[in-house]
Structures are given as C-alpha cells and as structure tokens.
N, C-alpha and C. Protein backbone atom coordinates (compact mmCIF):
# COMPACT_ATOMS: atom_id res chain seq x y z
N ILE A 1 101.43 -86.56 44.04
CA ILE A 1 101.50 -85.07 43.25
C ILE A 1 101.76 -85.64 41.73
N GLY A 2 102.26 -86.73 41.31
CA GLY A 2 102.73 -86.76 39.74
C GLY A 2 101.52 -87.54 39.28
N CYS A 3 100.23 -87.66 40.07
CA CYS A 3 99.48 -88.12 39.36
C CYS A 3 99.34 -89.78 38.93
N LEU A 4 100.36 -90.27 39.59
CA LEU A 4 100.72 -92.13 39.51
C LEU A 4 99.14 -92.46 40.14
N ASP A 5 98.86 -92.24 41.20
CA ASP A 5 97.73 -92.82 42.07
C ASP A 5 96.80 -91.56 42.12
N ARG A 6 95.56 -92.20 42.77
CA ARG A 6 94.23 -91.22 42.55
C ARG A 6 94.49 -91.22 44.18
N PRO A 7 93.84 -90.16 44.54
CA PRO A 7 93.95 -89.34 45.87
C PRO A 7 92.71 -90.07 46.68
N THR A 8 92.94 -90.61 47.87
CA THR A 8 91.82 -91.36 48.59
C THR A 8 90.93 -90.33 49.07
N ASP A 9 91.43 -88.91 49.41
CA ASP A 9 90.60 -88.12 49.88
C ASP A 9 91.06 -86.82 49.50
N GLY A 10 89.85 -85.55 49.57
CA GLY A 10 90.37 -84.54 49.24
C GLY A 10 90.37 -84.26 47.64
N THR A 11 90.78 -82.94 47.50
CA THR A 11 90.53 -82.49 46.03
C THR A 11 92.07 -82.15 45.64
N TYR A 12 92.45 -82.24 44.34
CA TYR A 12 94.03 -82.20 44.00
C TYR A 12 93.98 -81.56 42.80
N LEU A 13 94.09 -80.11 42.52
CA LEU A 13 93.99 -79.24 41.36
C LEU A 13 95.53 -78.89 41.02
N LEU A 14 95.48 -79.55 39.73
CA LEU A 14 96.87 -79.26 38.82
C LEU A 14 96.77 -78.35 37.91
N ASP A 15 97.04 -77.23 38.07
CA ASP A 15 96.92 -76.20 36.83
C ASP A 15 95.27 -75.94 36.63
N ASN A 16 94.74 -75.71 38.03
CA ASN A 16 93.20 -75.71 37.91
C ASN A 16 92.13 -76.75 37.52
N VAL A 17 92.92 -77.82 37.48
CA VAL A 17 92.00 -78.88 36.91
C VAL A 17 92.24 -79.90 38.11
N ASN A 18 90.90 -80.52 38.56
CA ASN A 18 90.89 -81.21 39.70
C ASN A 18 90.92 -82.76 39.02
N VAL A 19 92.32 -83.23 39.50
CA VAL A 19 92.65 -84.53 38.91
C VAL A 19 92.02 -86.00 39.88
N ALA A 20 91.56 -85.45 40.89
CA ALA A 20 91.16 -86.50 42.09
C ALA A 20 90.40 -87.46 41.39
N GLY A 21 89.44 -87.06 40.46
CA GLY A 21 88.39 -88.21 40.07
C GLY A 21 88.61 -88.64 38.69
N MET A 22 89.88 -88.44 38.46
CA MET A 22 90.14 -88.73 37.04
C MET A 22 90.50 -90.37 36.88
N SER A 23 90.43 -90.69 35.68
CA SER A 23 90.78 -92.33 35.61
C SER A 23 91.99 -92.39 35.30
N LYS A 24 92.58 -93.49 35.26
CA LYS A 24 94.00 -93.94 35.23
C LYS A 24 94.31 -93.69 33.58
N ASN A 25 93.71 -93.58 32.65
CA ASN A 25 94.33 -92.93 31.34
C ASN A 25 94.15 -91.35 31.28
N GLU A 26 93.21 -90.95 31.85
CA GLU A 26 93.16 -89.32 32.19
C GLU A 26 94.08 -88.93 32.95
N ARG A 27 94.59 -89.56 33.99
CA ARG A 27 95.82 -89.13 34.78
C ARG A 27 97.19 -89.43 33.90
N ALA A 28 97.25 -90.48 33.12
CA ALA A 28 98.50 -90.63 32.17
C ALA A 28 98.60 -89.56 31.34
N ALA A 29 97.72 -88.94 30.73
CA ALA A 29 97.24 -87.89 29.44
C ALA A 29 97.59 -86.74 30.35
N ILE A 30 97.38 -86.28 31.54
CA ILE A 30 97.42 -84.71 32.24
C ILE A 30 98.97 -84.96 32.67
N ARG A 31 99.67 -86.22 33.35
CA ARG A 31 100.97 -86.20 33.47
C ARG A 31 101.93 -85.90 32.31
N ASN A 32 101.44 -86.36 31.20
CA ASN A 32 102.23 -86.38 29.93
C ASN A 32 102.27 -84.63 29.69
N LEU A 33 101.11 -84.16 29.74
CA LEU A 33 101.15 -82.71 29.33
C LEU A 33 101.72 -81.69 30.30
N LYS A 34 101.61 -82.24 31.65
CA LYS A 34 101.64 -81.25 32.77
C LYS A 34 102.76 -81.34 33.59
N ILE A 35 103.63 -82.59 34.03
CA ILE A 35 104.29 -82.91 34.71
C ILE A 35 105.60 -83.57 34.08
N GLY A 36 106.76 -83.22 34.44
CA GLY A 36 108.15 -83.66 33.88
C GLY A 36 108.61 -84.33 35.22
N PHE A 37 109.17 -85.70 35.10
CA PHE A 37 109.94 -86.35 36.28
C PHE A 37 111.37 -86.39 36.06
N VAL A 38 112.29 -86.19 37.30
CA VAL A 38 113.63 -86.43 36.95
C VAL A 38 113.76 -87.31 38.14
N PHE A 39 114.66 -88.46 37.86
CA PHE A 39 114.92 -89.59 39.01
C PHE A 39 116.16 -89.46 39.44
N GLN A 40 116.94 -90.07 40.47
CA GLN A 40 118.08 -90.29 40.86
C GLN A 40 118.97 -91.17 39.94
N SER A 41 118.17 -92.18 39.14
CA SER A 41 118.91 -93.16 38.62
C SER A 41 118.68 -92.58 37.12
N TYR A 42 118.09 -91.66 36.79
CA TYR A 42 118.20 -91.37 35.47
C TYR A 42 117.28 -92.03 34.46
N ASN A 43 116.97 -93.32 34.58
CA ASN A 43 115.97 -93.91 33.85
C ASN A 43 116.23 -93.78 32.17
N LEU A 44 117.12 -93.80 31.82
CA LEU A 44 117.36 -93.50 30.42
C LEU A 44 117.48 -95.02 29.76
N LEU A 45 116.94 -95.02 28.39
CA LEU A 45 117.11 -96.15 27.68
C LEU A 45 118.36 -96.39 27.23
N SER A 46 119.09 -97.61 27.70
CA SER A 46 120.44 -97.67 27.31
C SER A 46 120.83 -97.66 25.66
N ARG A 47 119.91 -98.24 25.08
CA ARG A 47 120.30 -98.55 23.69
C ARG A 47 119.91 -97.39 22.56
N THR A 48 119.51 -96.34 23.26
CA THR A 48 118.97 -95.29 22.46
C THR A 48 119.92 -93.87 22.63
N SER A 49 120.03 -93.17 21.83
CA SER A 49 120.85 -91.80 21.88
C SER A 49 120.26 -91.08 22.89
N ALA A 50 120.85 -90.00 23.19
CA ALA A 50 120.19 -88.84 24.04
C ALA A 50 119.19 -88.16 23.69
N LEU A 51 119.30 -87.92 22.20
CA LEU A 51 118.06 -87.38 21.51
C LEU A 51 116.81 -88.17 21.61
N GLU A 52 117.16 -89.38 21.20
CA GLU A 52 115.85 -90.53 21.23
C GLU A 52 115.50 -90.78 22.43
N ASN A 53 115.98 -90.60 23.69
CA ASN A 53 115.57 -90.52 25.13
C ASN A 53 114.72 -89.22 25.28
N VAL A 54 115.24 -88.23 24.84
CA VAL A 54 114.45 -87.10 24.96
C VAL A 54 112.84 -86.79 24.26
N GLU A 55 113.18 -87.63 23.15
CA GLU A 55 112.00 -87.43 22.25
C GLU A 55 110.84 -88.34 22.67
N LEU A 56 111.25 -89.22 23.45
CA LEU A 56 110.20 -90.37 24.02
C LEU A 56 108.94 -89.83 24.38
N PRO A 57 108.78 -88.74 25.36
CA PRO A 57 107.68 -88.38 25.83
C PRO A 57 106.45 -87.78 24.85
N LEU A 58 107.32 -87.21 23.88
CA LEU A 58 106.70 -86.54 22.57
C LEU A 58 105.96 -87.53 21.86
N ILE A 59 106.37 -88.93 21.55
CA ILE A 59 105.67 -89.77 20.83
C ILE A 59 104.46 -90.21 21.40
N TYR A 60 104.34 -90.24 22.78
CA TYR A 60 102.80 -90.22 23.15
C TYR A 60 101.80 -89.15 22.91
N ARG A 61 102.70 -88.00 22.59
CA ARG A 61 101.66 -86.76 22.31
C ARG A 61 101.30 -86.91 20.62
N GLY A 62 101.90 -87.79 20.18
CA GLY A 62 101.39 -87.78 18.74
C GLY A 62 102.11 -86.68 17.71
N LEU A 63 103.32 -86.18 18.45
CA LEU A 63 103.91 -85.22 17.36
C LEU A 63 104.46 -85.82 16.18
N SER A 64 104.61 -85.16 15.19
CA SER A 64 105.67 -85.66 13.95
C SER A 64 107.26 -85.81 14.43
N GLY A 65 107.64 -86.62 13.70
CA GLY A 65 109.05 -86.95 13.70
C GLY A 65 109.86 -85.57 13.71
N SER A 66 109.66 -84.81 12.89
CA SER A 66 110.34 -83.43 12.85
C SER A 66 110.16 -82.49 13.98
N GLU A 67 108.96 -82.75 14.23
CA GLU A 67 108.62 -81.70 15.36
C GLU A 67 109.15 -82.29 16.71
N ARG A 68 109.32 -83.45 16.98
CA ARG A 68 109.83 -84.14 18.22
C ARG A 68 111.46 -83.79 17.90
N HIS A 69 112.04 -84.04 16.89
CA HIS A 69 113.45 -83.81 16.80
C HIS A 69 113.63 -82.26 17.24
N LYS A 70 112.89 -81.10 16.39
CA LYS A 70 113.35 -80.06 16.74
C LYS A 70 113.22 -79.72 18.28
N ARG A 71 111.89 -80.08 18.90
CA ARG A 71 111.98 -79.81 20.46
C ARG A 71 112.94 -80.38 21.35
N SER A 72 113.24 -81.67 20.92
CA SER A 72 114.24 -82.47 21.76
C SER A 72 115.75 -81.77 21.56
N ILE A 73 115.95 -81.12 20.52
CA ILE A 73 117.09 -80.73 20.18
C ILE A 73 117.37 -79.46 21.08
N LYS A 74 116.38 -78.59 21.14
CA LYS A 74 116.10 -77.41 21.66
C LYS A 74 116.42 -77.59 23.50
N ALA A 75 115.66 -78.95 23.65
CA ALA A 75 115.77 -79.23 25.41
C ALA A 75 117.09 -79.67 25.64
N LEU A 76 117.79 -80.44 24.84
CA LEU A 76 119.20 -80.69 25.02
C LEU A 76 120.15 -79.37 24.99
N LYS A 77 119.92 -78.51 24.08
CA LYS A 77 120.64 -77.57 24.13
C LYS A 77 120.51 -76.72 25.21
N SER A 78 119.25 -76.45 25.89
CA SER A 78 118.98 -75.80 27.20
C SER A 78 119.59 -76.42 28.27
N VAL A 79 120.11 -77.64 28.35
CA VAL A 79 120.95 -78.14 29.29
C VAL A 79 122.45 -78.57 29.02
N GLY A 80 122.73 -77.83 27.96
CA GLY A 80 124.22 -77.88 27.37
C GLY A 80 124.62 -79.03 26.80
N LEU A 81 123.92 -79.59 26.15
CA LEU A 81 124.37 -81.24 25.46
C LEU A 81 124.06 -81.14 24.03
N GLU A 82 124.18 -79.98 23.39
CA GLU A 82 123.85 -80.26 22.02
C GLU A 82 124.89 -80.62 21.42
N GLN A 83 126.31 -81.19 21.96
CA GLN A 83 127.11 -81.72 21.16
C GLN A 83 127.24 -83.14 21.27
N ARG A 84 126.25 -83.50 22.20
CA ARG A 84 126.25 -84.95 22.81
C ARG A 84 125.07 -85.80 22.37
N ILE A 85 124.01 -85.28 21.47
CA ILE A 85 122.83 -85.66 21.25
C ILE A 85 122.86 -86.97 20.70
N HIS A 86 123.84 -87.58 19.95
CA HIS A 86 123.68 -88.86 19.28
C HIS A 86 124.50 -89.92 20.15
N HIS A 87 125.08 -89.56 21.36
CA HIS A 87 125.70 -90.43 22.43
C HIS A 87 124.66 -91.26 22.97
N ARG A 88 125.01 -92.39 23.32
CA ARG A 88 124.18 -93.46 24.24
C ARG A 88 124.46 -93.09 25.65
N PRO A 89 123.75 -93.51 26.59
CA PRO A 89 124.01 -93.24 28.02
C PRO A 89 125.22 -93.91 28.58
N SER A 90 125.50 -94.91 28.14
CA SER A 90 127.00 -95.34 28.46
C SER A 90 128.14 -94.85 28.20
N GLN A 91 128.05 -93.82 26.88
CA GLN A 91 128.83 -93.06 26.56
C GLN A 91 128.92 -91.65 27.24
N LEU A 92 128.08 -91.10 28.06
CA LEU A 92 128.04 -90.06 28.82
C LEU A 92 128.29 -90.08 30.42
N SER A 93 128.87 -89.35 30.79
CA SER A 93 129.07 -89.01 32.41
C SER A 93 127.78 -88.86 33.07
N GLY A 94 127.89 -89.40 34.52
CA GLY A 94 126.82 -89.53 35.37
C GLY A 94 126.14 -87.95 35.04
N GLY A 95 126.70 -86.74 35.46
CA GLY A 95 126.06 -85.38 35.34
C GLY A 95 125.38 -85.04 33.67
N GLU A 96 126.03 -85.79 32.53
CA GLU A 96 125.42 -85.53 31.37
C GLU A 96 124.26 -86.61 31.16
N GLN A 97 123.95 -87.62 31.69
CA GLN A 97 122.91 -88.30 32.03
C GLN A 97 121.72 -87.72 32.67
N GLN A 98 122.19 -87.08 33.78
CA GLN A 98 121.08 -86.57 34.56
C GLN A 98 120.49 -85.45 33.62
N ARG A 99 121.44 -84.43 32.86
CA ARG A 99 121.01 -83.43 32.18
C ARG A 99 120.02 -83.93 30.84
N VAL A 100 120.55 -85.13 30.49
CA VAL A 100 119.66 -85.65 29.30
C VAL A 100 118.16 -85.99 29.97
N ALA A 101 118.17 -86.52 31.24
CA ALA A 101 117.15 -86.92 32.15
C ALA A 101 116.03 -85.58 32.13
N ILE A 102 116.93 -84.39 32.74
CA ILE A 102 116.09 -83.30 32.69
C ILE A 102 115.43 -82.86 31.43
N ALA A 103 116.23 -82.73 30.38
CA ALA A 103 115.83 -82.27 29.02
C ALA A 103 114.39 -83.32 28.82
N ARG A 104 114.66 -84.61 28.97
CA ARG A 104 113.53 -85.23 28.56
C ARG A 104 112.35 -84.92 29.40
N ALA A 105 112.49 -84.46 30.97
CA ALA A 105 111.55 -83.97 31.75
C ALA A 105 110.84 -82.57 31.22
N ILE A 106 111.80 -81.65 30.58
CA ILE A 106 111.22 -80.46 29.93
C ILE A 106 110.94 -80.53 28.68
N VAL A 107 111.07 -81.45 28.00
CA VAL A 107 110.72 -81.29 26.55
C VAL A 107 109.47 -80.87 26.13
N GLY A 108 108.21 -81.36 26.99
CA GLY A 108 107.04 -81.31 26.91
C GLY A 108 106.56 -79.95 27.50
N ASP A 109 107.49 -78.85 27.71
CA ASP A 109 106.71 -77.69 28.63
C ASP A 109 105.98 -77.82 29.93
N PRO A 110 106.45 -78.74 30.84
CA PRO A 110 105.75 -79.04 31.82
C PRO A 110 105.35 -77.67 32.93
N LYS A 111 104.45 -77.96 33.50
CA LYS A 111 104.03 -76.86 34.59
C LYS A 111 104.84 -77.19 35.73
N VAL A 112 104.91 -78.43 36.37
CA VAL A 112 105.53 -78.88 37.21
C VAL A 112 106.91 -79.81 36.90
N LEU A 113 107.76 -79.85 37.56
CA LEU A 113 109.05 -80.92 37.50
C LEU A 113 109.11 -81.51 39.00
N LEU A 114 108.96 -82.77 39.10
CA LEU A 114 108.95 -83.46 40.20
C LEU A 114 110.58 -84.07 40.19
N ALA A 115 111.42 -83.82 41.20
CA ALA A 115 112.46 -84.42 41.06
C ALA A 115 113.07 -85.21 42.34
N ASP A 116 113.22 -86.50 42.22
CA ASP A 116 113.48 -87.31 43.21
C ASP A 116 115.31 -87.58 43.50
N GLU A 117 115.50 -86.78 44.49
CA GLU A 117 116.80 -86.98 44.79
C GLU A 117 117.75 -86.98 43.34
N PRO A 118 117.80 -85.75 42.64
CA PRO A 118 118.35 -85.53 41.22
C PRO A 118 119.74 -85.51 41.58
N THR A 119 120.31 -85.10 42.58
CA THR A 119 121.90 -85.15 42.37
C THR A 119 122.04 -86.19 43.51
N GLY A 120 121.67 -87.11 43.72
CA GLY A 120 122.25 -87.99 44.94
C GLY A 120 123.41 -89.11 44.24
N ALA A 121 123.45 -89.23 43.01
CA ALA A 121 124.38 -89.79 42.59
C ALA A 121 125.51 -88.97 41.81
N LEU A 122 125.72 -87.81 42.08
CA LEU A 122 126.34 -86.82 41.58
C LEU A 122 127.60 -86.49 42.55
N ASP A 123 128.62 -85.95 41.96
CA ASP A 123 129.67 -85.08 42.75
C ASP A 123 128.88 -83.66 43.25
N SER A 124 129.94 -83.23 44.07
CA SER A 124 129.13 -81.79 44.31
C SER A 124 129.08 -80.70 43.32
N LYS A 125 130.16 -80.64 42.41
CA LYS A 125 130.25 -79.50 41.12
C LYS A 125 129.13 -79.95 40.19
N THR A 126 128.96 -81.11 39.91
CA THR A 126 127.83 -81.62 38.98
C THR A 126 126.62 -81.36 39.70
N SER A 127 126.34 -81.44 40.90
CA SER A 127 125.26 -81.25 41.49
C SER A 127 124.90 -79.77 41.43
N GLU A 128 125.98 -78.96 41.63
CA GLU A 128 125.68 -77.43 41.81
C GLU A 128 125.27 -77.02 40.24
N SER A 129 125.83 -77.55 39.18
CA SER A 129 125.31 -77.30 37.91
C SER A 129 123.93 -77.85 37.48
N ILE A 130 123.35 -78.91 37.97
CA ILE A 130 122.10 -79.47 38.06
C ILE A 130 121.09 -78.48 38.60
N MET A 131 121.54 -78.02 40.04
CA MET A 131 120.66 -76.91 40.69
C MET A 131 120.83 -75.80 39.97
N GLU A 132 121.79 -75.41 39.38
CA GLU A 132 121.65 -74.06 38.46
C GLU A 132 120.77 -74.09 37.47
N ILE A 133 120.61 -75.40 36.59
CA ILE A 133 119.55 -75.61 35.40
C ILE A 133 118.34 -75.54 36.10
N PHE A 134 118.04 -76.22 37.12
CA PHE A 134 116.65 -75.97 37.93
C PHE A 134 116.45 -74.54 38.15
N GLN A 135 117.17 -73.76 38.73
CA GLN A 135 117.08 -72.33 39.11
C GLN A 135 116.57 -71.54 37.70
N GLU A 136 117.25 -71.82 36.56
CA GLU A 136 116.93 -71.25 35.31
C GLU A 136 115.64 -71.48 34.73
N LEU A 137 115.33 -72.79 34.86
CA LEU A 137 114.00 -73.56 34.62
C LEU A 137 112.81 -72.68 35.16
N ASN A 138 112.97 -72.58 36.73
CA ASN A 138 111.95 -71.96 37.36
C ASN A 138 112.06 -70.21 37.26
N ASN A 139 113.05 -69.69 37.04
CA ASN A 139 113.12 -68.39 36.76
C ASN A 139 112.68 -67.83 35.64
N GLN A 140 113.19 -68.55 34.46
CA GLN A 140 112.92 -67.98 33.24
C GLN A 140 111.66 -68.75 32.56
N ARG A 141 111.59 -69.87 32.73
CA ARG A 141 110.42 -70.61 32.08
C ARG A 141 109.15 -70.98 33.18
N GLY A 142 109.19 -70.75 34.48
CA GLY A 142 108.15 -70.52 35.25
C GLY A 142 107.80 -71.86 35.81
N ILE A 143 108.64 -72.87 35.52
CA ILE A 143 108.22 -74.37 35.93
C ILE A 143 108.52 -74.18 37.36
N THR A 144 107.54 -74.75 38.25
CA THR A 144 107.37 -75.31 39.38
C THR A 144 108.10 -76.55 39.47
N ILE A 145 109.25 -76.49 40.52
CA ILE A 145 110.03 -77.94 40.78
C ILE A 145 109.85 -78.07 42.17
N VAL A 146 109.35 -79.23 42.60
CA VAL A 146 109.36 -79.82 43.62
C VAL A 146 110.36 -81.32 43.70
N GLN A 147 111.11 -80.95 44.60
CA GLN A 147 112.55 -81.78 44.89
C GLN A 147 112.47 -82.49 46.20
N VAL A 148 113.08 -83.61 46.30
CA VAL A 148 113.51 -84.35 47.64
C VAL A 148 114.77 -84.52 47.60
N THR A 149 115.21 -84.39 48.74
CA THR A 149 116.70 -84.55 48.89
C THR A 149 117.00 -84.62 50.29
N HIS A 150 118.18 -85.23 50.23
CA HIS A 150 118.60 -85.54 51.80
C HIS A 150 119.75 -84.51 51.91
N GLU A 151 120.09 -83.77 50.94
CA GLU A 151 121.32 -82.85 51.01
C GLU A 151 120.72 -81.36 51.38
N LYS A 152 121.34 -81.02 52.46
CA LYS A 152 120.89 -79.53 52.99
C LYS A 152 121.47 -78.36 51.83
N SER A 153 122.77 -79.04 51.16
CA SER A 153 123.21 -77.89 50.57
C SER A 153 122.38 -77.63 49.07
N VAL A 154 121.62 -78.99 48.57
CA VAL A 154 120.90 -78.94 47.53
C VAL A 154 119.37 -78.45 47.90
N ALA A 155 118.73 -78.60 49.25
CA ALA A 155 117.86 -77.96 49.65
C ALA A 155 117.93 -76.61 49.60
N GLU A 156 118.96 -75.94 50.06
CA GLU A 156 118.85 -74.71 50.24
C GLU A 156 118.67 -73.79 48.84
N TYR A 157 118.70 -74.44 47.70
CA TYR A 157 118.45 -73.63 46.50
C TYR A 157 116.80 -73.59 46.21
N GLY A 158 116.10 -74.05 47.15
CA GLY A 158 114.29 -73.97 47.05
C GLY A 158 113.80 -72.66 47.84
N HIS A 159 112.98 -72.37 47.07
CA HIS A 159 112.25 -71.06 47.86
C HIS A 159 111.46 -71.23 49.34
N THR A 160 111.01 -72.58 49.12
CA THR A 160 110.11 -73.21 50.26
C THR A 160 110.80 -74.42 50.65
N ILE A 161 111.06 -74.77 52.12
CA ILE A 161 111.57 -76.13 52.11
C ILE A 161 110.70 -76.82 53.19
N CYS A 162 110.13 -77.81 53.00
CA CYS A 162 109.50 -78.77 54.26
C CYS A 162 110.53 -80.11 54.69
N HIS A 163 110.50 -80.08 55.99
CA HIS A 163 111.13 -81.31 56.43
C HIS A 163 110.17 -82.25 56.67
N LEU A 164 110.52 -83.52 56.48
CA LEU A 164 109.70 -84.73 56.67
C LEU A 164 110.48 -85.33 57.80
N ARG A 165 109.99 -86.02 58.71
CA ARG A 165 110.23 -86.84 59.72
C ARG A 165 109.46 -87.83 59.97
N ASP A 166 109.76 -89.21 59.65
CA ASP A 166 108.70 -90.41 59.94
C ASP A 166 107.54 -90.18 59.26
N GLY A 167 107.54 -89.70 57.87
CA GLY A 167 106.23 -89.25 57.18
C GLY A 167 105.35 -88.10 57.45
N LYS A 168 106.12 -87.27 58.48
CA LYS A 168 105.06 -86.24 58.90
C LYS A 168 105.86 -84.82 58.56
N ILE A 169 105.11 -83.87 58.22
CA ILE A 169 105.99 -82.58 58.10
C ILE A 169 106.02 -81.82 59.51
N GLU A 170 107.36 -81.56 59.82
CA GLU A 170 107.57 -81.11 60.97
C GLU A 170 107.62 -79.46 60.71
C-alpha cells in the first residue's frame, strides 16, 4: 500500500494513478506526494528539533526554506505542539513524539495516512488523543487512514475493520 514494493500481480490505483508498473524512483515520488507514514517507534531524528523533523519530507519536494517552515509550523499547530517546535525528541514525551511524527506525515497533505501501531507505545489517555487527531484528519481534511493495531479499543475508531489471522482476511 505504501508503494515501498512493486505489486507482483494485478493493478494498484492510488488516487487514480496505476502505481503497479512504476519504477523505484517513480514510486518514491508518488509516496512523497500522496502517502504519509506514522510508525509505532516514531522514527524521529534525535539531533533535530520537532520543526526540523517535520520539514524533512518537504526538502525532497524542493520547497523553499520559508515555505517548509510555514507548512511545518501549521502541521505542528494542528497536532497541538506549537509551543514545542524547538524541542528535540528526547525533550518530548512519547505522546508528543508521536504527534511530531503525525505532523511530519501530514505536512505534505497526503491522500492516505498509513499508521503501523501508532498507539502501541502509548498509555490509554494519550492513545485516545492520537485517535482523536486521526478522526479530525479524516473528517476535516478527507485523509484516508489505514491503520494496523492489535488494540480493539483503537480499532473501533475505524469506519471499516478488517481482521487478519495468519496472513488471511477473516
């Protein structure tokens, strides 16, 4: 789904574009434009600020520094971190780090947000706030969110729930 691999068979349309036959570089370009990734382990660069972490995907788009800065501050504000933009990951709580990761994933206005256990390392209250952010992104910005979770309470936020067992859809 994340265009990291080429499909072995069939057709995969992402925003009405067939990505199945794309080269590695073409898939990387469409990933940067259309897909945001949120991981359980945040995957933030430890020696850079929240703002610099969020700006990173925009560098690959060739945006000017001022445009990257403006968009990144807006993304951080949308997840409630406008007061923490200059903090490094080690100065942020787990929930704040995950919100930085979400801001980084949405800064480029993706069509799809792929979330792999986004609340797995968080307490229940923080998990709930992350899920509320996801709901806002879906309801207000129309971002499709595909999430993998083992937590039933987290899965219940979804509009459609697919259960996988041993690699097969039940």
